[in-house]
Amino acid sequence: MRDARDIIIRPVISERSTELMEQRKYTFVVADDANKIEIAKAVEAIFKVKVESVNTMRVRGKLKRNRYGYKRTSSWKKAIVTLTPDSKTIPILETV
């Protein structure tokens, strides 16, 4: 069994993800080979919350231009975790 911190890499902080936090949905960058069950258990272990559902998606890297030509940024896996209504919130942006 892998460590929970190896599965959850970091939270995604964007305008859309902060709007989803009002609906008890949190967005994370996760390991490429992690499945939904592992992601749910990792979030429950790290933040001590109850997970209702997990939606995952592959985000393809974008083509960026620099002074030497074009280069593609890294692809990554994103997970949107929905918490149960009776669960506490995750304090990601409480200080902002």
PDB file of N, CA and C in Angstrom:
ATOM      1  N   MET A   1       0.856  -1.196   0.000  1.00  0.00           N
ATOM      2  CA  MET A   1       0.000   0.000   0.000  1.00  0.00           C
ATOM      3  C   MET A   1       0.887   1.239   0.000  1.00  0.00           C
ATOM      4  N   ARG A   2       0.577   2.149  -0.881  1.00  0.00           N
ATOM      5  CA  ARG A   2       1.347   3.385  -0.969  1.00  0.00           C
ATOM      6  C   ARG A   2       0.899   4.368   0.098  1.00  0.00           C
ATOM      7  N   ASP A   3       1.776   5.306   0.375  1.00  0.00           N
ATOM      8  CA  ASP A   3       1.445   6.355   1.333  1.00  0.00           C
ATOM      9  C   ASP A   3       0.429   7.300   0.703  1.00  0.00           C
ATOM     10  N   ALA A   4      -0.444   7.862   1.512  1.00  0.00           N
ATOM     11  CA  ALA A   4      -1.489   8.755   1.012  1.00  0.00           C
ATOM     12  C   ALA A   4      -0.903  10.016   0.393  1.00  0.00           C
ATOM     13  N   ARG A   5       0.238  10.461   0.898  1.00  0.00           N
ATOM     14  CA  ARG A   5       0.861  11.673   0.359  1.00  0.00           C
ATOM     15  C   ARG A   5       1.557  11.426  -0.974  1.00  0.00           C
ATOM     16  N   ASP A   6       1.764  10.165  -1.343  1.00  0.00           N
ATOM     17  CA  ASP A   6       2.276   9.848  -2.677  1.00  0.00           C
ATOM     18  C   ASP A   6       1.160   9.862  -3.712  1.00  0.00           C
ATOM     19  N   ILE A   7      -0.066   9.688  -3.271  1.00  0.00           N
ATOM     20  CA  ILE A   7      -1.212   9.681  -4.195  1.00  0.00           C
ATOM     21  C   ILE A   7      -1.718  11.096  -4.419  1.00  0.00           C
ATOM     22  N   ILE A   8      -1.944  11.862  -3.356  1.00  0.00           N
ATOM     23  CA  ILE A   8      -2.392  13.253  -3.458  1.00  0.00           C
ATOM     24  C   ILE A   8      -1.142  14.134  -3.544  1.00  0.00           C
ATOM     25  N   ILE A   9      -0.925  14.766  -4.688  1.00  0.00           N
ATOM     26  CA  ILE A   9       0.288  15.555  -4.880  1.00  0.00           C
ATOM     27  C   ILE A   9       0.109  16.974  -4.351  1.00  0.00           C
ATOM     28  N   ARG A  10      -0.939  17.651  -4.802  1.00  0.00           N
ATOM     29  CA  ARG A  10      -1.191  19.013  -4.339  1.00  0.00           C
ATOM     30  C   ARG A  10      -2.614  19.410  -4.714  1.00  0.00           C
ATOM     31  N   PRO A  11      -3.194  20.416  -4.046  1.00  0.00           N
ATOM     32  CA  PRO A  11      -4.509  20.911  -4.453  1.00  0.00           C
ATOM     33  C   PRO A  11      -4.383  21.830  -5.667  1.00  0.00           C
ATOM     34  N   VAL A  12      -5.439  21.902  -6.433  1.00  0.00           N
ATOM     35  CA  VAL A  12      -5.495  22.817  -7.576  1.00  0.00           C
ATOM     36  C   VAL A  12      -6.170  24.092  -7.095  1.00  0.00           C
ATOM     37  N   ILE A  13      -5.464  25.217  -7.201  1.00  0.00           N
ATOM     38  CA  ILE A  13      -6.015  26.502  -6.782  1.00  0.00           C
ATOM     39  C   ILE A  13      -6.279  27.317  -8.038  1.00  0.00           C
ATOM     40  N   SER A  14      -7.528  27.397  -8.421  1.00  0.00           N
ATOM     41  CA  SER A  14      -7.934  28.185  -9.579  1.00  0.00           C
ATOM     42  C   SER A  14      -9.288  28.815  -9.284  1.00  0.00           C
ATOM     43  N   GLU A  15      -9.724  29.635 -10.181  1.00  0.00           N
ATOM     44  CA  GLU A  15     -11.009  30.307  -9.980  1.00  0.00           C
ATOM     45  C   GLU A  15     -12.155  29.300  -9.956  1.00  0.00           C
ATOM     46  N   ARG A  16     -12.104  28.342 -10.857  1.00  0.00           N
ATOM     47  CA  ARG A  16     -13.163  27.343 -10.919  1.00  0.00           C
ATOM     48  C   ARG A  16     -13.146  26.422  -9.706  1.00  0.00           C
ATOM     49  N   SER A  17     -11.946  26.037  -9.254  1.00  0.00           N
ATOM     50  CA  SER A  17     -11.878  25.129  -8.110  1.00  0.00           C
ATOM     51  C   SER A  17     -12.338  25.808  -6.821  1.00  0.00           C
ATOM     52  N   THR A  18     -12.107  27.110  -6.684  1.00  0.00           N
ATOM     53  CA  THR A  18     -12.605  27.799  -5.489  1.00  0.00           C
ATOM     54  C   THR A  18     -14.123  27.940  -5.527  1.00  0.00           C
ATOM     55  N   GLU A  19     -14.707  28.045  -6.715  1.00  0.00           N
ATOM     56  CA  GLU A  19     -16.176  28.063  -6.814  1.00  0.00           C
ATOM     57  C   GLU A  19     -16.759  26.697  -6.481  1.00  0.00           C
ATOM     58  N   LEU A  20     -16.049  25.632  -6.837  1.00  0.00           N
ATOM     59  CA  LEU A  20     -16.534  24.288  -6.527  1.00  0.00           C
ATOM     60  C   LEU A  20     -16.470  23.981  -5.036  1.00  0.00           C
ATOM     61  N   MET A  21     -15.602  24.677  -4.297  1.00  0.00           N
ATOM     62  CA  MET A  21     -15.492  24.432  -2.857  1.00  0.00           C
ATOM     63  C   MET A  21     -16.778  24.777  -2.121  1.00  0.00           C
ATOM     64  N   GLU A  22     -17.569  25.691  -2.672  1.00  0.00           N
ATOM     65  CA  GLU A  22     -18.858  26.026  -2.061  1.00  0.00           C
ATOM     66  C   GLU A  22     -19.830  24.847  -2.151  1.00  0.00           C
ATOM     67  N   GLN A  23     -19.631  23.966  -3.143  1.00  0.00           N
ATOM     68  CA  GLN A  23     -20.474  22.779  -3.316  1.00  0.00           C
ATOM     69  C   GLN A  23     -19.854  21.545  -2.658  1.00  0.00           C
ATOM     70  N   ARG A  24     -18.837  21.747  -1.815  1.00  0.00           N
ATOM     71  CA  ARG A  24     -18.128  20.678  -1.114  1.00  0.00           C
ATOM     72  C   ARG A  24     -17.377  19.772  -2.077  1.00  0.00           C
ATOM     73  N   LYS A  25     -16.835  20.360  -3.161  1.00  0.00           N
ATOM     74  CA  LYS A  25     -16.023  19.630  -4.132  1.00  0.00           C
ATOM     75  C   LYS A  25     -14.627  20.241  -4.121  1.00  0.00           C
ATOM     76  N   TYR A  26     -13.622  19.381  -3.989  1.00  0.00           N
ATOM     77  CA  TYR A  26     -12.234  19.829  -3.909  1.00  0.00           C
ATOM     78  C   TYR A  26     -11.440  19.181  -5.027  1.00  0.00           C
ATOM     79  N   THR A  27     -10.531  19.938  -5.627  1.00  0.00           N
ATOM     80  CA  THR A  27      -9.769  19.487  -6.781  1.00  0.00           C
ATOM     81  C   THR A  27      -8.314  19.270  -6.385  1.00  0.00           C
ATOM     82  N   PHE A  28      -7.753  18.134  -6.799  1.00  0.00           N
ATOM     83  CA  PHE A  28      -6.374  17.783  -6.473  1.00  0.00           C
ATOM     84  C   PHE A  28      -5.652  17.274  -7.702  1.00  0.00           C
ATOM     85  N   VAL A  29      -4.336  17.499  -7.745  1.00  0.00           N
ATOM     86  CA  VAL A  29      -3.462  16.816  -8.694  1.00  0.00           C
ATOM     87  C   VAL A  29      -3.068  15.508  -8.027  1.00  0.00           C
ATOM     88  N   VAL A  30      -3.276  14.393  -8.734  1.00  0.00           N
ATOM     89  CA  VAL A  30      -3.011  13.083  -8.144  1.00  0.00           C
ATOM     90  C   VAL A  30      -1.998  12.321  -8.989  1.00  0.00           C
ATOM     91  N   ALA A  31      -1.495  11.223  -8.458  1.00  0.00           N
ATOM     92  CA  ALA A  31      -0.554  10.382  -9.184  1.00  0.00           C
ATOM     93  C   ALA A  31      -1.230   9.797 -10.419  1.00  0.00           C
ATOM     94  N   ASP A  32      -0.453   9.621 -11.484  1.00  0.00           N
ATOM     95  CA  ASP A  32      -1.008   9.157 -12.756  1.00  0.00           C
ATOM     96  C   ASP A  32      -1.607   7.756 -12.669  1.00  0.00           C
ATOM     97  N   ASP A  33      -1.049   6.895 -11.817  1.00  0.00           N
ATOM     98  CA  ASP A  33      -1.525   5.524 -11.744  1.00  0.00           C
ATOM     99  C   ASP A  33      -2.491   5.277 -10.588  1.00  0.00           C
ATOM    100  N   ALA A  34      -2.967   6.328  -9.939  1.00  0.00           N
ATOM    101  CA  ALA A  34      -3.908   6.177  -8.820  1.00  0.00           C
ATOM    102  C   ALA A  34      -5.331   5.995  -9.353  1.00  0.00           C
ATOM    103  N   ASN A  35      -6.090   5.098  -8.703  1.00  0.00           N
ATOM    104  CA  ASN A  35      -7.487   4.919  -9.095  1.00  0.00           C
ATOM    105  C   ASN A  35      -8.396   5.647  -8.105  1.00  0.00           C
ATOM    106  N   LYS A  36      -9.697   5.603  -8.355  1.00  0.00           N
ATOM    107  CA  LYS A  36     -10.649   6.373  -7.545  1.00  0.00           C
ATOM    108  C   LYS A  36     -10.705   5.886  -6.097  1.00  0.00           C
ATOM    109  N   ILE A  37     -10.583   4.597  -5.884  1.00  0.00           N
ATOM    110  CA  ILE A  37     -10.644   4.058  -4.528  1.00  0.00           C
ATOM    111  C   ILE A  37      -9.430   4.512  -3.730  1.00  0.00           C
ATOM    112  N   GLU A  38      -8.258   4.463  -4.337  1.00  0.00           N
ATOM    113  CA  GLU A  38      -7.043   4.919  -3.655  1.00  0.00           C
ATOM    114  C   GLU A  38      -7.099   6.413  -3.350  1.00  0.00           C
ATOM    115  N   ILE A  39      -7.642   7.198  -4.281  1.00  0.00           N
ATOM    116  CA  ILE A  39      -7.748   8.643  -4.075  1.00  0.00           C
ATOM    117  C   ILE A  39      -8.700   8.941  -2.921  1.00  0.00           C
ATOM    118  N   ALA A  40      -9.837   8.253  -2.865  1.00  0.00           N
ATOM    119  CA  ALA A  40     -10.802   8.475  -1.792  1.00  0.00           C
ATOM    120  C   ALA A  40     -10.208   8.119  -0.436  1.00  0.00           C
ATOM    121  N   LYS A  41      -9.513   6.992  -0.346  1.00  0.00           N
ATOM    122  CA  LYS A  41      -8.897   6.593   0.923  1.00  0.00           C
ATOM    123  C   LYS A  41      -7.789   7.550   1.335  1.00  0.00           C
ATOM    124  N   ALA A  42      -7.037   8.077   0.358  1.00  0.00           N
ATOM    125  CA  ALA A  42      -5.955   9.011   0.665  1.00  0.00           C
ATOM    126  C   ALA A  42      -6.503  10.334   1.198  1.00  0.00           C
ATOM    127  N   VAL A  43      -7.573  10.843   0.594  1.00  0.00           N
ATOM    128  CA  VAL A  43      -8.174  12.099   1.064  1.00  0.00           C
ATOM    129  C   VAL A  43      -8.756  11.906   2.463  1.00  0.00           C
ATOM    130  N   GLU A  44      -9.403  10.774   2.702  1.00  0.00           N
ATOM    131  CA  GLU A  44      -9.955  10.503   4.033  1.00  0.00           C
ATOM    132  C   GLU A  44      -8.849  10.384   5.077  1.00  0.00           C
ATOM    133  N   ALA A  45      -7.718   9.801   4.710  1.00  0.00           N
ATOM    134  CA  ALA A  45      -6.627   9.631   5.661  1.00  0.00           C
ATOM    135  C   ALA A  45      -5.914  10.953   5.959  1.00  0.00           C
ATOM    136  N   ILE A  46      -5.708  11.776   4.944  1.00  0.00           N
ATOM    137  CA  ILE A  46      -4.957  13.024   5.142  1.00  0.00           C
ATOM    138  C   ILE A  46      -5.798  14.073   5.857  1.00  0.00           C
ATOM    139  N   PHE A  47      -7.033  14.283   5.405  1.00  0.00           N
ATOM    140  CA  PHE A  47      -7.846  15.394   5.896  1.00  0.00           C
ATOM    141  C   PHE A  47      -8.902  14.986   6.915  1.00  0.00           C
ATOM    142  N   LYS A  48      -9.056  13.701   7.216  1.00  0.00           N
ATOM    143  CA  LYS A  48     -10.027  13.194   8.200  1.00  0.00           C
ATOM    144  C   LYS A  48     -11.457  13.623   7.852  1.00  0.00           C
ATOM    145  N   VAL A  49     -11.862  13.378   6.599  1.00  0.00           N
ATOM    146  CA  VAL A  49     -13.199  13.704   6.115  1.00  0.00           C
ATOM    147  C   VAL A  49     -13.822  12.442   5.512  1.00  0.00           C
ATOM    148  N   LYS A  50     -15.109  12.511   5.170  1.00  0.00           N
ATOM    149  CA  LYS A  50     -15.805  11.417   4.509  1.00  0.00           C
ATOM    150  C   LYS A  50     -16.023  11.790   3.044  1.00  0.00           C
ATOM    151  N   VAL A  51     -15.601  10.927   2.122  1.00  0.00           N
ATOM    152  CA  VAL A  51     -15.705  11.174   0.689  1.00  0.00           C
ATOM    153  C   VAL A  51     -16.951  10.494   0.148  1.00  0.00           C
ATOM    154  N   GLU A  52     -17.739  11.257  -0.603  1.00  0.00           N
ATOM    155  CA  GLU A  52     -18.935  10.698  -1.234  1.00  0.00           C
ATOM    156  C   GLU A  52     -18.616  10.122  -2.606  1.00  0.00           C
ATOM    157  N   SER A  53     -17.904  10.880  -3.449  1.00  0.00           N
ATOM    158  CA  SER A  53     -17.562  10.401  -4.784  1.00  0.00           C
ATOM    159  C   SER A  53     -16.269  11.046  -5.258  1.00  0.00           C
ATOM    160  N   VAL A  54     -15.664  10.410  -6.264  1.00  0.00           N
ATOM    161  CA  VAL A  54     -14.421  10.905  -6.864  1.00  0.00           C
ATOM    162  C   VAL A  54     -14.584  10.863  -8.373  1.00  0.00           C
ATOM    163  N   ASN A  55     -14.294  11.966  -9.032  1.00  0.00           N
ATOM    164  CA  ASN A  55     -14.268  12.032 -10.490  1.00  0.00           C
ATOM    165  C   ASN A  55     -12.833  12.329 -10.911  1.00  0.00           C
ATOM    166  N   THR A  56     -12.316  11.543 -11.858  1.00  0.00           N
ATOM    167  CA  THR A  56     -10.945  11.744 -12.307  1.00  0.00           C
ATOM    168  C   THR A  56     -10.926  12.065 -13.787  1.00  0.00           C
ATOM    169  N   MET A  57      -9.874  12.760 -14.196  1.00  0.00           N
ATOM    170  CA  MET A  57      -9.690  13.072 -15.618  1.00  0.00           C
ATOM    171  C   MET A  57      -8.219  13.300 -15.911  1.00  0.00           C
ATOM    172  N   ARG A  58      -7.821  13.004 -17.124  1.00  0.00           N
ATOM    173  CA  ARG A  58      -6.478  13.251 -17.591  1.00  0.00           C
ATOM    174  C   ARG A  58      -6.454  14.624 -18.251  1.00  0.00           C
ATOM    175  N   VAL A  59      -5.512  15.471 -17.834  1.00  0.00           N
ATOM    176  CA  VAL A  59      -5.362  16.804 -18.409  1.00  0.00           C
ATOM    177  C   VAL A  59      -4.148  16.748 -19.320  1.00  0.00           C
ATOM    178  N   ARG A  60      -4.376  16.987 -20.585  1.00  0.00           N
ATOM    179  CA  ARG A  60      -3.298  16.916 -21.564  1.00  0.00           C
ATOM    180  C   ARG A  60      -2.459  18.184 -21.502  1.00  0.00           C
ATOM    181  N   GLY A  61      -1.166  18.046 -21.694  1.00  0.00           N
ATOM    182  CA  GLY A  61      -0.271  19.189 -21.659  1.00  0.00           C
ATOM    183  C   GLY A  61      -0.519  20.134 -22.819  1.00  0.00           C
ATOM    184  N   LYS A  62      -0.304  21.408 -22.581  1.00  0.00           N
ATOM    185  CA  LYS A  62      -0.539  22.416 -23.608  1.00  0.00           C
ATOM    186  C   LYS A  62       0.737  22.667 -24.414  1.00  0.00           C
ATOM    187  N   LEU A  63       0.568  23.085 -25.638  1.00  0.00           N
ATOM    188  CA  LEU A  63       1.687  23.426 -26.497  1.00  0.00           C
ATOM    189  C   LEU A  63       2.052  24.884 -26.240  1.00  0.00           C
ATOM    190  N   LYS A  64       3.255  25.111 -25.745  1.00  0.00           N
ATOM    191  CA  LYS A  64       3.716  26.459 -25.407  1.00  0.00           C
ATOM    192  C   LYS A  64       4.862  26.849 -26.328  1.00  0.00           C
ATOM    193  N   ARG A  65       4.955  28.123 -26.616  1.00  0.00           N
ATOM    194  CA  ARG A  65       6.021  28.615 -27.471  1.00  0.00           C
ATOM    195  C   ARG A  65       7.067  29.323 -26.628  1.00  0.00           C
ATOM    196  N   ASN A  66       8.333  29.034 -26.902  1.00  0.00           N
ATOM    197  CA  ASN A  66       9.404  29.758 -26.259  1.00  0.00           C
ATOM    198  C   ASN A  66      10.371  30.255 -27.340  1.00  0.00           C
ATOM    199  N   ARG A  67      11.507  30.757 -26.963  1.00  0.00           N
ATOM    200  CA  ARG A  67      12.386  31.351 -27.965  1.00  0.00           C
ATOM    201  C   ARG A  67      13.071  30.321 -28.846  1.00  0.00           C
ATOM    202  N   TYR A  68      13.016  29.048 -28.479  1.00  0.00           N
ATOM    203  CA  TYR A  68      13.642  27.998 -29.273  1.00  0.00           C
ATOM    204  C   TYR A  68      12.649  27.222 -30.122  1.00  0.00           C
ATOM    205  N   GLY A  69      11.393  27.509 -30.017  1.00  0.00           N
ATOM    206  CA  GLY A  69      10.368  26.801 -30.785  1.00  0.00           C
ATOM    207  C   GLY A  69       9.187  26.466 -29.896  1.00  0.00           C
ATOM    208  N   TYR A  70       8.595  25.292 -30.111  1.00  0.00           N
ATOM    209  CA  TYR A  70       7.429  24.866 -29.355  1.00  0.00           C
ATOM    210  C   TYR A  70       7.786  23.715 -28.444  1.00  0.00           C
ATOM    211  N   LYS A  71       7.138  23.680 -27.305  1.00  0.00           N
ATOM    212  CA  LYS A  71       7.353  22.615 -26.346  1.00  0.00           C
ATOM    213  C   LYS A  71       6.029  22.326 -25.651  1.00  0.00           C
ATOM    214  N   ARG A  72       5.779  21.064 -25.360  1.00  0.00           N
ATOM    215  CA  ARG A  72       4.538  20.682 -24.690  1.00  0.00           C
ATOM    216  C   ARG A  72       4.773  20.587 -23.190  1.00  0.00           C
ATOM    217  N   THR A  73       3.845  21.158 -22.394  1.00  0.00           N
ATOM    218  CA  THR A  73       3.936  21.048 -20.946  1.00  0.00           C
ATOM    219  C   THR A  73       3.524  19.638 -20.530  1.00  0.00           C
ATOM    220  N   SER A  74       3.772  19.285 -19.305  1.00  0.00           N
ATOM    221  CA  SER A  74       3.508  17.926 -18.819  1.00  0.00           C
ATOM    222  C   SER A  74       2.013  17.657 -18.718  1.00  0.00           C
ATOM    223  N   SER A  75       1.625  16.433 -19.031  1.00  0.00           N
ATOM    224  CA  SER A  75       0.256  15.983 -18.800  1.00  0.00           C
ATOM    225  C   SER A  75       0.147  15.539 -17.349  1.00  0.00           C
ATOM    226  N   TRP A  76      -1.076  15.610 -16.784  1.00  0.00           N
ATOM    227  CA  TRP A  76      -1.268  15.255 -15.389  1.00  0.00           C
ATOM    228  C   TRP A  76      -2.679  14.744 -15.170  1.00  0.00           C
ATOM    229  N   LYS A  77      -2.924  14.179 -14.009  1.00  0.00           N
ATOM    230  CA  LYS A  77      -4.228  13.626 -13.671  1.00  0.00           C
ATOM    231  C   LYS A  77      -4.869  14.471 -12.587  1.00  0.00           C
ATOM    232  N   LYS A  78      -6.133  14.794 -12.782  1.00  0.00           N
ATOM    233  CA  LYS A  78      -6.876  15.643 -11.854  1.00  0.00           C
ATOM    234  C   LYS A  78      -8.013  14.843 -11.249  1.00  0.00           C
ATOM    235  N   ALA A  79      -8.270  15.056  -9.961  1.00  0.00           N
ATOM    236  CA  ALA A  79      -9.374  14.396  -9.269  1.00  0.00           C
ATOM    237  C   ALA A  79     -10.229  15.448  -8.591  1.00  0.00           C
ATOM    238  N   ILE A  80     -11.540  15.365  -8.804  1.00  0.00           N
ATOM    239  CA  ILE A  80     -12.497  16.229  -8.114  1.00  0.00           C
ATOM    240  C   ILE A  80     -13.209  15.354  -7.082  1.00  0.00           C
ATOM    241  N   VAL A  81     -12.992  15.683  -5.812  1.00  0.00           N
ATOM    242  CA  VAL A  81     -13.491  14.875  -4.697  1.00  0.00           C
ATOM    243  C   VAL A  81     -14.688  15.583  -4.085  1.00  0.00           C
ATOM    244  N   THR A  82     -15.827  14.881  -4.015  1.00  0.00           N
ATOM    245  CA  THR A  82     -17.037  15.414  -3.398  1.00  0.00           C
ATOM    246  C   THR A  82     -17.165  14.834  -1.998  1.00  0.00           C
ATOM    247  N   LEU A  83     -17.375  15.705  -1.012  1.00  0.00           N
ATOM    248  CA  LEU A  83     -17.513  15.271   0.374  1.00  0.00           C
ATOM    249  C   LEU A  83     -18.976  15.054   0.721  1.00  0.00           C
ATOM    250  N   THR A  84     -19.227  14.232   1.745  1.00  0.00           N
ATOM    251  CA  THR A  84     -20.591  13.999   2.203  1.00  0.00           C
ATOM    252  C   THR A  84     -21.113  15.258   2.899  1.00  0.00           C
ATOM    253  N   PRO A  85     -22.427  15.440   2.955  1.00  0.00           N
ATOM    254  CA  PRO A  85     -22.973  16.648   3.592  1.00  0.00           C
ATOM    255  C   PRO A  85     -22.655  16.769   5.078  1.00  0.00           C
ATOM    256  N   ASP A  86     -22.495  15.651   5.783  1.00  0.00           N
ATOM    257  CA  ASP A  86     -22.213  15.719   7.219  1.00  0.00           C
ATOM    258  C   ASP A  86     -20.719  15.790   7.539  1.00  0.00           C
ATOM    259  N   SER A  87     -19.874  15.809   6.522  1.00  0.00           N
ATOM    260  CA  SER A  87     -18.426  15.862   6.733  1.00  0.00           C
ATOM    261  C   SER A  87     -17.968  17.305   6.917  1.00  0.00           C
ATOM    262  N   LYS A  88     -16.826  17.473   7.610  1.00  0.00           N
ATOM    263  CA  LYS A  88     -16.279  18.804   7.771  1.00  0.00           C
ATOM    264  C   LYS A  88     -15.578  19.241   6.476  1.00  0.00           C
ATOM    265  N   THR A  89     -15.247  20.523   6.382  1.00  0.00           N
ATOM    266  CA  THR A  89     -14.606  21.029   5.172  1.00  0.00           C
ATOM    267  C   THR A  89     -13.100  20.852   5.260  1.00  0.00           C
ATOM    268  N   ILE A  90     -12.441  20.948   4.107  1.00  0.00           N
ATOM    269  CA  ILE A  90     -10.991  20.846   4.049  1.00  0.00           C
ATOM    270  C   ILE A  90     -10.416  22.252   4.078  1.00  0.00           C
ATOM    271  N   PRO A  91      -9.527  22.563   5.017  1.00  0.00           N
ATOM    272  CA  PRO A  91      -9.019  23.938   5.143  1.00  0.00           C
ATOM    273  C   PRO A  91      -7.894  24.249   4.163  1.00  0.00           C
ATOM    274  N   ILE A  92      -8.222  24.371   2.875  1.00  0.00           N
ATOM    275  CA  ILE A  92      -7.212  24.696   1.869  1.00  0.00           C
ATOM    276  C   ILE A  92      -7.042  26.209   1.768  1.00  0.00           C
ATOM    277  N   LEU A  93      -8.140  26.929   1.624  1.00  0.00           N
ATOM    278  CA  LEU A  93      -8.075  28.378   1.433  1.00  0.00           C
ATOM    279  C   LEU A  93      -8.741  29.140   2.552  1.00  0.00           C
ATOM    280  N   GLU A  94      -8.689  28.655   3.754  1.00  0.00           N
ATOM    281  CA  GLU A  94      -9.350  29.329   4.868  1.00  0.00           C
ATOM    282  C   GLU A  94      -8.665  30.628   5.244  1.00  0.00           C
ATOM    283  N   THR A  95      -7.376  30.770   4.942  1.00  0.00           N
ATOM    284  CA  THR A  95      -6.639  31.979   5.339  1.00  0.00           C
ATOM    285  C   THR A  95      -6.781  33.097   4.329  1.00  0.00           C
ATOM    286  N   VAL A  96      -7.312  32.826   3.136  1.00  0.00           N
ATOM    287  CA  VAL A  96      -7.432  33.854   2.096  1.00  0.00           C
ATOM    288  C   VAL A  96      -8.666  34.686   2.323  1.00  0.00           C
TER     289      VAL A  96
END
